[in-house]
């Protein structure tokens, strides 16, 4: 039973990852841009939880994440903006305002 639950959880994660358009390695993204780019909502929530941050709208949308942590398309939490997270433009890193 436990192994089938683990399998289903892993499968769900892989399906959500496969349906996402991978972020560009080396670029820093606002959470809202990752969500627009692909299905990163679950990964963002995991990263926030890992760093003991509240998983709320502000933190989901206005935190910065680096792309390429642990492999192509993977993200890593950098921090949450005190104010707004600002789109840096195509091919450029986002930042806090």
PDB file of N, CA and C in Angstrom:
ATOM      1  N   UNK A   1       0.824  -1.192   0.000  1.00  0.00           N
ATOM      2  CA  UNK A   1       0.000   0.000   0.000  1.00  0.00           C
ATOM      3  C   UNK A   1       0.869   1.257   0.000  1.00  0.00           C
ATOM      4  N   UNK A   2       1.877   1.307   0.892  1.00  0.00           N
ATOM      5  CA  UNK A   2       2.742   2.475   0.959  1.00  0.00           C
ATOM      6  C   UNK A   2       3.509   2.672  -0.340  1.00  0.00           C
ATOM      7  N   UNK A   3       3.975   1.575  -0.930  1.00  0.00           N
ATOM      8  CA  UNK A   3       4.736   1.710  -2.169  1.00  0.00           C
ATOM      9  C   UNK A   3       3.856   2.208  -3.307  1.00  0.00           C
ATOM     10  N   UNK A   4       2.589   1.816  -3.340  1.00  0.00           N
ATOM     11  CA  UNK A   4       1.707   2.303  -4.400  1.00  0.00           C
ATOM     12  C   UNK A   4       1.406   3.792  -4.205  1.00  0.00           C
ATOM     13  N   UNK A   5       1.296   4.255  -2.948  1.00  0.00           N
ATOM     14  CA  UNK A   5       1.089   5.677  -2.698  1.00  0.00           C
ATOM     15  C   UNK A   5       2.319   6.483  -3.110  1.00  0.00           C
ATOM     16  N   UNK A   6       3.494   5.968  -2.810  1.00  0.00           N
ATOM     17  CA  UNK A   6       4.730   6.623  -3.200  1.00  0.00           C
ATOM     18  C   UNK A   6       4.830   6.688  -4.723  1.00  0.00           C
ATOM     19  N   UNK A   7       4.487   5.597  -5.391  1.00  0.00           N
ATOM     20  CA  UNK A   7       4.513   5.557  -6.847  1.00  0.00           C
ATOM     21  C   UNK A   7       3.566   6.604  -7.431  1.00  0.00           C
ATOM     22  N   UNK A   8       2.340   6.677  -6.910  1.00  0.00           N
ATOM     23  CA  UNK A   8       1.350   7.626  -7.418  1.00  0.00           C
ATOM     24  C   UNK A   8       1.801   9.069  -7.174  1.00  0.00           C
ATOM     25  N   UNK A   9       2.389   9.324  -6.032  1.00  0.00           N
ATOM     26  CA  UNK A   9       2.886  10.657  -5.718  1.00  0.00           C
ATOM     27  C   UNK A   9       4.015  11.041  -6.676  1.00  0.00           C
ATOM     28  N   UNK A  10       4.935  10.120  -6.911  1.00  0.00           N
ATOM     29  CA  UNK A  10       6.040  10.355  -7.837  1.00  0.00           C
ATOM     30  C   UNK A  10       5.517  10.568  -9.247  1.00  0.00           C
ATOM     31  N   UNK A  11       4.570   9.760  -9.656  1.00  0.00           N
ATOM     32  CA  UNK A  11       3.982   9.873 -10.985  1.00  0.00           C
ATOM     33  C   UNK A  11       3.303  11.234 -11.152  1.00  0.00           C
ATOM     34  N   UNK A  12       2.557  11.673 -10.165  1.00  0.00           N
ATOM     35  CA  UNK A  12       1.886  12.973 -10.232  1.00  0.00           C
ATOM     36  C   UNK A  12       2.898  14.106 -10.356  1.00  0.00           C
ATOM     37  N   UNK A  13       4.003  14.007  -9.629  1.00  0.00           N
ATOM     38  CA  UNK A  13       5.047  15.013  -9.707  1.00  0.00           C
ATOM     39  C   UNK A  13       5.667  15.041 -11.093  1.00  0.00           C
ATOM     40  N   UNK A  14       5.956  13.864 -11.648  1.00  0.00           N
ATOM     41  CA  UNK A  14       6.547  13.795 -12.978  1.00  0.00           C
ATOM     42  C   UNK A  14       5.604  14.321 -14.043  1.00  0.00           C
ATOM     43  N   UNK A  15       4.330  14.028 -13.925  1.00  0.00           N
ATOM     44  CA  UNK A  15       3.353  14.525 -14.892  1.00  0.00           C
ATOM     45  C   UNK A  15       3.284  16.039 -14.828  1.00  0.00           C
ATOM     46  N   UNK A  16       3.271  16.612 -13.620  1.00  0.00           N
ATOM     47  CA  UNK A  16       3.213  18.071 -13.505  1.00  0.00           C
ATOM     48  C   UNK A  16       4.496  18.689 -14.051  1.00  0.00           C
ATOM     49  N   UNK A  17       5.639  18.045 -13.839  1.00  0.00           N
ATOM     50  CA  UNK A  17       6.900  18.561 -14.356  1.00  0.00           C
ATOM     51  C   UNK A  17       6.924  18.475 -15.875  1.00  0.00           C
ATOM     52  N   UNK A  18       6.458  17.369 -16.425  1.00  0.00           N
ATOM     53  CA  UNK A  18       6.479  17.173 -17.870  1.00  0.00           C
ATOM     54  C   UNK A  18       5.586  18.173 -18.585  1.00  0.00           C
ATOM     55  N   UNK A  19       4.505  18.607 -17.948  1.00  0.00           N
ATOM     56  CA  UNK A  19       3.587  19.536 -18.595  1.00  0.00           C
ATOM     57  C   UNK A  19       4.069  20.985 -18.490  1.00  0.00           C
ATOM     58  N   UNK A  20       5.088  21.230 -17.674  1.00  0.00           N
ATOM     59  CA  UNK A  20       5.605  22.585 -17.520  1.00  0.00           C
ATOM     60  C   UNK A  20       6.626  22.886 -18.609  1.00  0.00           C
ATOM     61  N   UNK A  21       6.645  24.138 -19.052  1.00  0.00           N
ATOM     62  CA  UNK A  21       7.707  24.602 -19.915  1.00  0.00           C
ATOM     63  C   UNK A  21       8.869  24.911 -18.987  1.00  0.00           C
ATOM     64  N   UNK A  22       9.996  24.293 -19.238  1.00  0.00           N
ATOM     65  CA  UNK A  22      11.134  24.445 -18.335  1.00  0.00           C
ATOM     66  C   UNK A  22      11.638  25.883 -18.317  1.00  0.00           C
ATOM     67  N   UNK A  23      11.983  26.321 -17.132  1.00  0.00           N
ATOM     68  CA  UNK A  23      12.594  27.638 -16.994  1.00  0.00           C
ATOM     69  C   UNK A  23      14.013  27.577 -17.567  1.00  0.00           C
ATOM     70  N   UNK A  24      14.620  28.740 -17.762  1.00  0.00           N
ATOM     71  CA  UNK A  24      15.956  28.820 -18.349  1.00  0.00           C
ATOM     72  C   UNK A  24      17.000  28.816 -17.240  1.00  0.00           C
ATOM     73  N   UNK A  25      17.920  27.866 -17.293  1.00  0.00           N
ATOM     74  CA  UNK A  25      18.979  27.754 -16.289  1.00  0.00           C
ATOM     75  C   UNK A  25      19.769  29.059 -16.214  1.00  0.00           C
ATOM     76  N   UNK A  26      19.991  29.512 -14.983  1.00  0.00           N
ATOM     77  CA  UNK A  26      20.762  30.724 -14.746  1.00  0.00           C
ATOM     78  C   UNK A  26      19.936  31.991 -14.638  1.00  0.00           C
ATOM     79  N   UNK A  27      18.638  31.908 -14.941  1.00  0.00           N
ATOM     80  CA  UNK A  27      17.751  33.064 -14.838  1.00  0.00           C
ATOM     81  C   UNK A  27      17.014  32.996 -13.503  1.00  0.00           C
ATOM     82  N   UNK A  28      16.823  34.156 -12.872  1.00  0.00           N
ATOM     83  CA  UNK A  28      16.055  34.267 -11.635  1.00  0.00           C
ATOM     84  C   UNK A  28      14.638  34.691 -11.998  1.00  0.00           C
ATOM     85  N   UNK A  29      13.648  33.993 -11.440  1.00  0.00           N
ATOM     86  CA  UNK A  29      12.243  34.225 -11.775  1.00  0.00           C
ATOM     87  C   UNK A  29      11.424  34.617 -10.556  1.00  0.00           C
ATOM     88  N   UNK A  30      10.470  35.529 -10.760  1.00  0.00           N
ATOM     89  CA  UNK A  30       9.413  35.760  -9.783  1.00  0.00           C
ATOM     90  C   UNK A  30       8.501  34.538  -9.827  1.00  0.00           C
ATOM     91  N   UNK A  31       7.882  34.219  -8.706  1.00  0.00           N
ATOM     92  CA  UNK A  31       6.966  33.095  -8.671  1.00  0.00           C
ATOM     93  C   UNK A  31       5.866  33.202  -9.710  1.00  0.00           C
ATOM     94  N   UNK A  32       5.317  34.420  -9.904  1.00  0.00           N
ATOM     95  CA  UNK A  32       4.219  34.563 -10.864  1.00  0.00           C
ATOM     96  C   UNK A  32       4.661  34.262 -12.287  1.00  0.00           C
ATOM     97  N   UNK A  33       5.921  34.537 -12.615  1.00  0.00           N
ATOM     98  CA  UNK A  33       6.404  34.210 -13.957  1.00  0.00           C
ATOM     99  C   UNK A  33       6.606  32.708 -14.132  1.00  0.00           C
ATOM    100  N   UNK A  34       7.025  32.029 -13.082  1.00  0.00           N
ATOM    101  CA  UNK A  34       7.133  30.568 -13.168  1.00  0.00           C
ATOM    102  C   UNK A  34       5.755  29.936 -13.342  1.00  0.00           C
ATOM    103  N   UNK A  35       4.764  30.465 -12.632  1.00  0.00           N
ATOM    104  CA  UNK A  35       3.401  29.936 -12.741  1.00  0.00           C
ATOM    105  C   UNK A  35       2.855  30.182 -14.147  1.00  0.00           C
ATOM    106  N   UNK A  36       3.141  31.357 -14.731  1.00  0.00           N
ATOM    107  CA  UNK A  36       2.716  31.634 -16.106  1.00  0.00           C
ATOM    108  C   UNK A  36       3.463  30.756 -17.106  1.00  0.00           C
ATOM    109  N   UNK A  37       4.726  30.480 -16.836  1.00  0.00           N
ATOM    110  CA  UNK A  37       5.570  29.707 -17.747  1.00  0.00           C
ATOM    111  C   UNK A  37       5.153  28.245 -17.817  1.00  0.00           C
ATOM    112  N   UNK A  38       4.767  27.696 -16.698  1.00  0.00           N
ATOM    113  CA  UNK A  38       4.413  26.282 -16.657  1.00  0.00           C
ATOM    114  C   UNK A  38       3.759  25.936 -15.341  1.00  0.00           C
ATOM    115  N   UNK A  39       3.703  24.684 -15.065  1.00  0.00           N
ATOM    116  CA  UNK A  39       3.016  24.197 -13.867  1.00  0.00           C
ATOM    117  C   UNK A  39       3.989  24.125 -12.693  1.00  0.00           C
ATOM    118  N   UNK A  40       4.443  25.283 -12.214  1.00  0.00           N
ATOM    119  CA  UNK A  40       5.424  25.339 -11.127  1.00  0.00           C
ATOM    120  C   UNK A  40       4.790  25.581  -9.764  1.00  0.00           C
ATOM    121  N   UNK A  41       3.485  25.653  -9.684  1.00  0.00           N
ATOM    122  CA  UNK A  41       2.817  25.975  -8.415  1.00  0.00           C
ATOM    123  C   UNK A  41       3.219  25.003  -7.298  1.00  0.00           C
ATOM    124  N   UNK A  42       3.234  23.711  -7.579  1.00  0.00           N
ATOM    125  CA  UNK A  42       3.587  22.701  -6.565  1.00  0.00           C
ATOM    126  C   UNK A  42       5.054  22.838  -6.161  1.00  0.00           C
ATOM    127  N   UNK A  43       5.934  23.054  -7.138  1.00  0.00           N
ATOM    128  CA  UNK A  43       7.356  23.198  -6.833  1.00  0.00           C
ATOM    129  C   UNK A  43       7.627  24.446  -5.990  1.00  0.00           C
ATOM    130  N   UNK A  44       6.921  25.538  -6.300  1.00  0.00           N
ATOM    131  CA  UNK A  44       7.067  26.773  -5.514  1.00  0.00           C
ATOM    132  C   UNK A  44       6.630  26.525  -4.073  1.00  0.00           C
ATOM    133  N   UNK A  45       5.490  25.888  -3.905  1.00  0.00           N
ATOM    134  CA  UNK A  45       4.996  25.589  -2.553  1.00  0.00           C
ATOM    135  C   UNK A  45       5.988  24.707  -1.798  1.00  0.00           C
ATOM    136  N   UNK A  46       6.576  23.727  -2.465  1.00  0.00           N
ATOM    137  CA  UNK A  46       7.578  22.852  -1.817  1.00  0.00           C
ATOM    138  C   UNK A  46       8.791  23.644  -1.370  1.00  0.00           C
ATOM    139  N   UNK A  47       9.269  24.527  -2.246  1.00  0.00           N
ATOM    140  CA  UNK A  47      10.437  25.341  -1.898  1.00  0.00           C
ATOM    141  C   UNK A  47      10.133  26.261  -0.722  1.00  0.00           C
ATOM    142  N   UNK A  48       8.975  26.909  -0.727  1.00  0.00           N
ATOM    143  CA  UNK A  48       8.606  27.781   0.390  1.00  0.00           C
ATOM    144  C   UNK A  48       8.516  26.979   1.684  1.00  0.00           C
ATOM    145  N   UNK A  49       7.887  25.829   1.614  1.00  0.00           N
ATOM    146  CA  UNK A  49       7.752  24.980   2.801  1.00  0.00           C
ATOM    147  C   UNK A  49       9.129  24.529   3.313  1.00  0.00           C
ATOM    148  N   UNK A  50      10.011  24.171   2.379  1.00  0.00           N
ATOM    149  CA  UNK A  50      11.357  23.711   2.745  1.00  0.00           C
ATOM    150  C   UNK A  50      12.114  24.778   3.538  1.00  0.00           C
ATOM    151  N   UNK A  51      11.877  26.050   3.206  1.00  0.00           N
ATOM    152  CA  UNK A  51      12.558  27.150   3.890  1.00  0.00           C
ATOM    153  C   UNK A  51      11.687  27.809   4.956  1.00  0.00           C
ATOM    154  N   UNK A  52      10.643  27.073   5.377  1.00  0.00           N
ATOM    155  CA  UNK A  52       9.756  27.500   6.460  1.00  0.00           C
ATOM    156  C   UNK A  52       9.102  28.859   6.202  1.00  0.00           C
ATOM    157  N   UNK A  53       8.709  29.075   4.958  1.00  0.00           N
ATOM    158  CA  UNK A  53       7.980  30.282   4.578  1.00  0.00           C
ATOM    159  C   UNK A  53       6.501  29.939   4.443  1.00  0.00           C
ATOM    160  N   UNK A  54       5.645  30.897   4.780  1.00  0.00           N
ATOM    161  CA  UNK A  54       4.212  30.680   4.598  1.00  0.00           C
ATOM    162  C   UNK A  54       3.904  30.501   3.119  1.00  0.00           C
ATOM    163  N   UNK A  55       3.047  29.546   2.814  1.00  0.00           N
ATOM    164  CA  UNK A  55       2.610  29.335   1.434  1.00  0.00           C
ATOM    165  C   UNK A  55       1.320  30.137   1.254  1.00  0.00           C
ATOM    166  N   UNK A  56       1.501  31.430   0.977  1.00  0.00           N
ATOM    167  CA  UNK A  56       0.368  32.324   0.759  1.00  0.00           C
ATOM    168  C   UNK A  56       0.561  33.015  -0.592  1.00  0.00           C
ATOM    169  N   UNK A  57      -0.427  33.789  -1.007  1.00  0.00           N
ATOM    170  CA  UNK A  57      -0.368  34.421  -2.331  1.00  0.00           C
ATOM    171  C   UNK A  57       0.855  35.310  -2.505  1.00  0.00           C
ATOM    172  N   UNK A  58       1.155  36.158  -1.512  1.00  0.00           N
ATOM    173  CA  UNK A  58       2.318  37.046  -1.658  1.00  0.00           C
ATOM    174  C   UNK A  58       3.597  36.241  -1.855  1.00  0.00           C
ATOM    175  N   UNK A  59       3.816  35.250  -1.011  1.00  0.00           N
ATOM    176  CA  UNK A  59       5.041  34.457  -1.113  1.00  0.00           C
ATOM    177  C   UNK A  59       5.090  33.625  -2.396  1.00  0.00           C
ATOM    178  N   UNK A  60       3.943  33.130  -2.839  1.00  0.00           N
ATOM    179  CA  UNK A  60       3.908  32.348  -4.090  1.00  0.00           C
ATOM    180  C   UNK A  60       4.275  33.224  -5.292  1.00  0.00           C
ATOM    181  N   UNK A  61       3.732  34.441  -5.346  1.00  0.00           N
ATOM    182  CA  UNK A  61       3.894  35.295  -6.517  1.00  0.00           C
ATOM    183  C   UNK A  61       5.082  36.242  -6.443  1.00  0.00           C
ATOM    184  N   UNK A  62       5.477  36.649  -5.245  1.00  0.00           N
ATOM    185  CA  UNK A  62       6.501  37.684  -5.102  1.00  0.00           C
ATOM    186  C   UNK A  62       7.766  37.188  -4.415  1.00  0.00           C
ATOM    187  N   UNK A  63       8.089  35.923  -4.620  1.00  0.00           N
ATOM    188  CA  UNK A  63       9.375  35.380  -4.191  1.00  0.00           C
ATOM    189  C   UNK A  63      10.223  35.144  -5.427  1.00  0.00           C
ATOM    190  N   UNK A  64      11.531  35.125  -5.217  1.00  0.00           N
ATOM    191  CA  UNK A  64      12.469  34.890  -6.313  1.00  0.00           C
ATOM    192  C   UNK A  64      12.993  33.466  -6.247  1.00  0.00           C
ATOM    193  N   UNK A  65      13.122  32.861  -7.425  1.00  0.00           N
ATOM    194  CA  UNK A  65      13.598  31.486  -7.553  1.00  0.00           C
ATOM    195  C   UNK A  65      14.655  31.430  -8.643  1.00  0.00           C
ATOM    196  N   UNK A  66      15.715  30.703  -8.366  1.00  0.00           N
ATOM    197  CA  UNK A  66      16.734  30.482  -9.369  1.00  0.00           C
ATOM    198  C   UNK A  66      16.366  29.228 -10.151  1.00  0.00           C
ATOM    199  N   UNK A  67      16.680  29.217 -11.414  1.00  0.00           N
ATOM    200  CA  UNK A  67      16.374  28.065 -12.254  1.00  0.00           C
ATOM    201  C   UNK A  67      17.641  27.255 -12.476  1.00  0.00           C
ATOM    202  N   UNK A  68      17.495  25.936 -12.415  1.00  0.00           N
ATOM    203  CA  UNK A  68      18.617  25.041 -12.658  1.00  0.00           C
ATOM    204  C   UNK A  68      19.156  24.402 -11.398  1.00  0.00           C
ATOM    205  N   UNK A  69      18.546  24.687 -10.246  1.00  0.00           N
ATOM    206  CA  UNK A  69      18.940  24.065  -8.988  1.00  0.00           C
ATOM    207  C   UNK A  69      18.626  22.573  -9.053  1.00  0.00           C
ATOM    208  N   UNK A  70      19.614  21.733  -9.092  1.00  0.00           N
ATOM    209  CA  UNK A  70      19.386  20.294  -9.066  1.00  0.00           C
ATOM    210  C   UNK A  70      19.125  19.682 -10.429  1.00  0.00           C
ATOM    211  N   UNK A  71      19.104  20.456 -11.484  1.00  0.00           N
ATOM    212  CA  UNK A  71      18.878  19.917 -12.823  1.00  0.00           C
ATOM    213  C   UNK A  71      18.083  20.886 -13.676  1.00  0.00           C
ATOM    214  N   UNK A  72      17.978  20.581 -14.951  1.00  0.00           N
ATOM    215  CA  UNK A  72      17.277  21.443 -15.895  1.00  0.00           C
ATOM    216  C   UNK A  72      15.812  21.585 -15.497  1.00  0.00           C
ATOM    217  N   UNK A  73      15.344  22.815 -15.382  1.00  0.00           N
ATOM    218  CA  UNK A  73      13.949  23.088 -15.061  1.00  0.00           C
ATOM    219  C   UNK A  73      13.621  23.065 -13.577  1.00  0.00           C
ATOM    220  N   UNK A  74      14.571  22.678 -12.740  1.00  0.00           N
ATOM    221  CA  UNK A  74      14.325  22.661 -11.299  1.00  0.00           C
ATOM    222  C   UNK A  74      14.540  24.059 -10.758  1.00  0.00           C
ATOM    223  N   UNK A  75      13.860  24.378  -9.669  1.00  0.00           N
ATOM    224  CA  UNK A  75      13.977  25.715  -9.092  1.00  0.00           C
ATOM    225  C   UNK A  75      14.467  25.657  -7.651  1.00  0.00           C
ATOM    226  N   UNK A  76      15.047  26.768  -7.204  1.00  0.00           N
ATOM    227  CA  UNK A  76      15.488  26.910  -5.822  1.00  0.00           C
ATOM    228  C   UNK A  76      15.065  28.269  -5.290  1.00  0.00           C
ATOM    229  N   UNK A  77      14.582  28.297  -4.074  1.00  0.00           N
ATOM    230  CA  UNK A  77      14.108  29.523  -3.424  1.00  0.00           C
ATOM    231  C   UNK A  77      15.285  30.426  -3.072  1.00  0.00           C
ATOM    232  N   UNK A  78      15.183  31.703  -3.439  1.00  0.00           N
ATOM    233  CA  UNK A  78      16.209  32.686  -3.097  1.00  0.00           C
ATOM    234  C   UNK A  78      15.762  33.622  -1.985  1.00  0.00           C
ATOM    235  N   UNK A  79      14.489  34.002  -1.985  1.00  0.00           N
ATOM    236  CA  UNK A  79      13.971  34.913  -0.981  1.00  0.00           C
ATOM    237  C   UNK A  79      12.658  35.512  -1.431  1.00  0.00           C
ATOM    238  N   UNK A  80      11.980  36.169  -0.503  1.00  0.00           N
ATOM    239  CA  UNK A  80      10.701  36.803  -0.788  1.00  0.00           C
ATOM    240  C   UNK A  80      10.885  38.313  -0.801  1.00  0.00           C
ATOM    241  N   UNK A  81      10.321  38.960  -1.790  1.00  0.00           N
ATOM    242  CA  UNK A  81      10.393  40.419  -1.903  1.00  0.00           C
ATOM    243  C   UNK A  81       9.547  41.057  -0.803  1.00  0.00           C
ATOM    244  N   UNK A  82      10.056  42.136  -0.205  1.00  0.00           N
ATOM    245  CA  UNK A  82       9.272  42.893   0.770  1.00  0.00           C
ATOM    246  C   UNK A  82       8.093  43.563   0.077  1.00  0.00           C
ATOM    247  N   UNK A  83       8.324  44.033  -1.140  1.00  0.00           N
ATOM    248  CA  UNK A  83       7.280  44.662  -1.944  1.00  0.00           C
ATOM    249  C   UNK A  83       6.899  43.737  -3.092  1.00  0.00           C
ATOM    250  N   UNK A  84       6.991  44.300  -4.296  1.00  0.00           N
ATOM    251  CA  UNK A  84       6.624  43.535  -5.484  1.00  0.00           C
ATOM    252  C   UNK A  84       7.838  42.901  -6.134  1.00  0.00           C
ATOM    253  N   UNK A  85       7.598  41.792  -6.800  1.00  0.00           N
ATOM    254  CA  UNK A  85       8.593  41.153  -7.646  1.00  0.00           C
ATOM    255  C   UNK A  85       8.353  41.695  -9.054  1.00  0.00           C
ATOM    256  N   UNK A  86       9.420  42.106  -9.734  1.00  0.00           N
ATOM    257  CA  UNK A  86       9.301  42.792 -11.013  1.00  0.00           C
ATOM    258  C   UNK A  86       9.907  41.947 -12.130  1.00  0.00           C
ATOM    259  N   UNK A  87       9.168  41.834 -13.225  1.00  0.00           N
ATOM    260  CA  UNK A  87       9.601  41.106 -14.417  1.00  0.00           C
ATOM    261  C   UNK A  87      10.779  41.837 -15.054  1.00  0.00           C
ATOM    262  N   UNK A  88      11.893  41.137 -15.250  1.00  0.00           N
ATOM    263  CA  UNK A  88      13.086  41.735 -15.840  1.00  0.00           C
ATOM    264  C   UNK A  88      13.055  41.801 -17.353  1.00  0.00           C
ATOM    265  N   UNK A  89      12.083  41.170 -17.974  1.00  0.00           N
ATOM    266  CA  UNK A  89      11.992  41.147 -19.431  1.00  0.00           C
ATOM    267  C   UNK A  89      12.514  39.825 -19.982  1.00  0.00           C
ATOM    268  N   UNK A  90      12.247  39.610 -21.240  1.00  0.00           N
ATOM    269  CA  UNK A  90      12.605  38.354 -21.905  1.00  0.00           C
ATOM    270  C   UNK A  90      14.117  38.085 -21.832  1.00  0.00           C
ATOM    271  N   UNK A  91      14.465  36.905 -21.304  1.00  0.00           N
ATOM    272  CA  UNK A  91      15.858  36.492 -21.228  1.00  0.00           C
ATOM    273  C   UNK A  91      16.661  37.139 -20.116  1.00  0.00           C
ATOM    274  N   UNK A  92      15.997  37.938 -19.264  1.00  0.00           N
ATOM    275  CA  UNK A  92      16.685  38.614 -18.167  1.00  0.00           C
ATOM    276  C   UNK A  92      16.070  38.188 -16.836  1.00  0.00           C
ATOM    277  N   UNK A  93      16.864  38.268 -15.785  1.00  0.00           N
ATOM    278  CA  UNK A  93      16.385  37.895 -14.456  1.00  0.00           C
ATOM    279  C   UNK A  93      15.390  38.915 -13.910  1.00  0.00           C
ATOM    280  N   UNK A  94      14.443  38.403 -13.141  1.00  0.00           N
ATOM    281  CA  UNK A  94      13.483  39.241 -12.422  1.00  0.00           C
ATOM    282  C   UNK A  94      14.130  39.721 -11.123  1.00  0.00           C
ATOM    283  N   UNK A  95      13.492  40.652 -10.455  1.00  0.00           N
ATOM    284  CA  UNK A  95      14.039  41.162  -9.207  1.00  0.00           C
ATOM    285  C   UNK A  95      12.970  41.791  -8.326  1.00  0.00           C
ATOM    286  N   UNK A  96      13.387  42.200  -7.143  1.00  0.00           N
ATOM    287  CA  UNK A  96      12.464  42.821  -6.182  1.00  0.00           C
ATOM    288  C   UNK A  96      12.452  44.327  -6.377  1.00  0.00           C
ATOM    289  N   UNK A  97      11.309  44.910  -6.126  1.00  0.00           N
ATOM    290  CA  UNK A  97      11.143  46.360  -6.203  1.00  0.00           C
ATOM    291  C   UNK A  97      10.995  46.928  -4.823  1.00  0.00           C
TER     292      UNK A  97
END
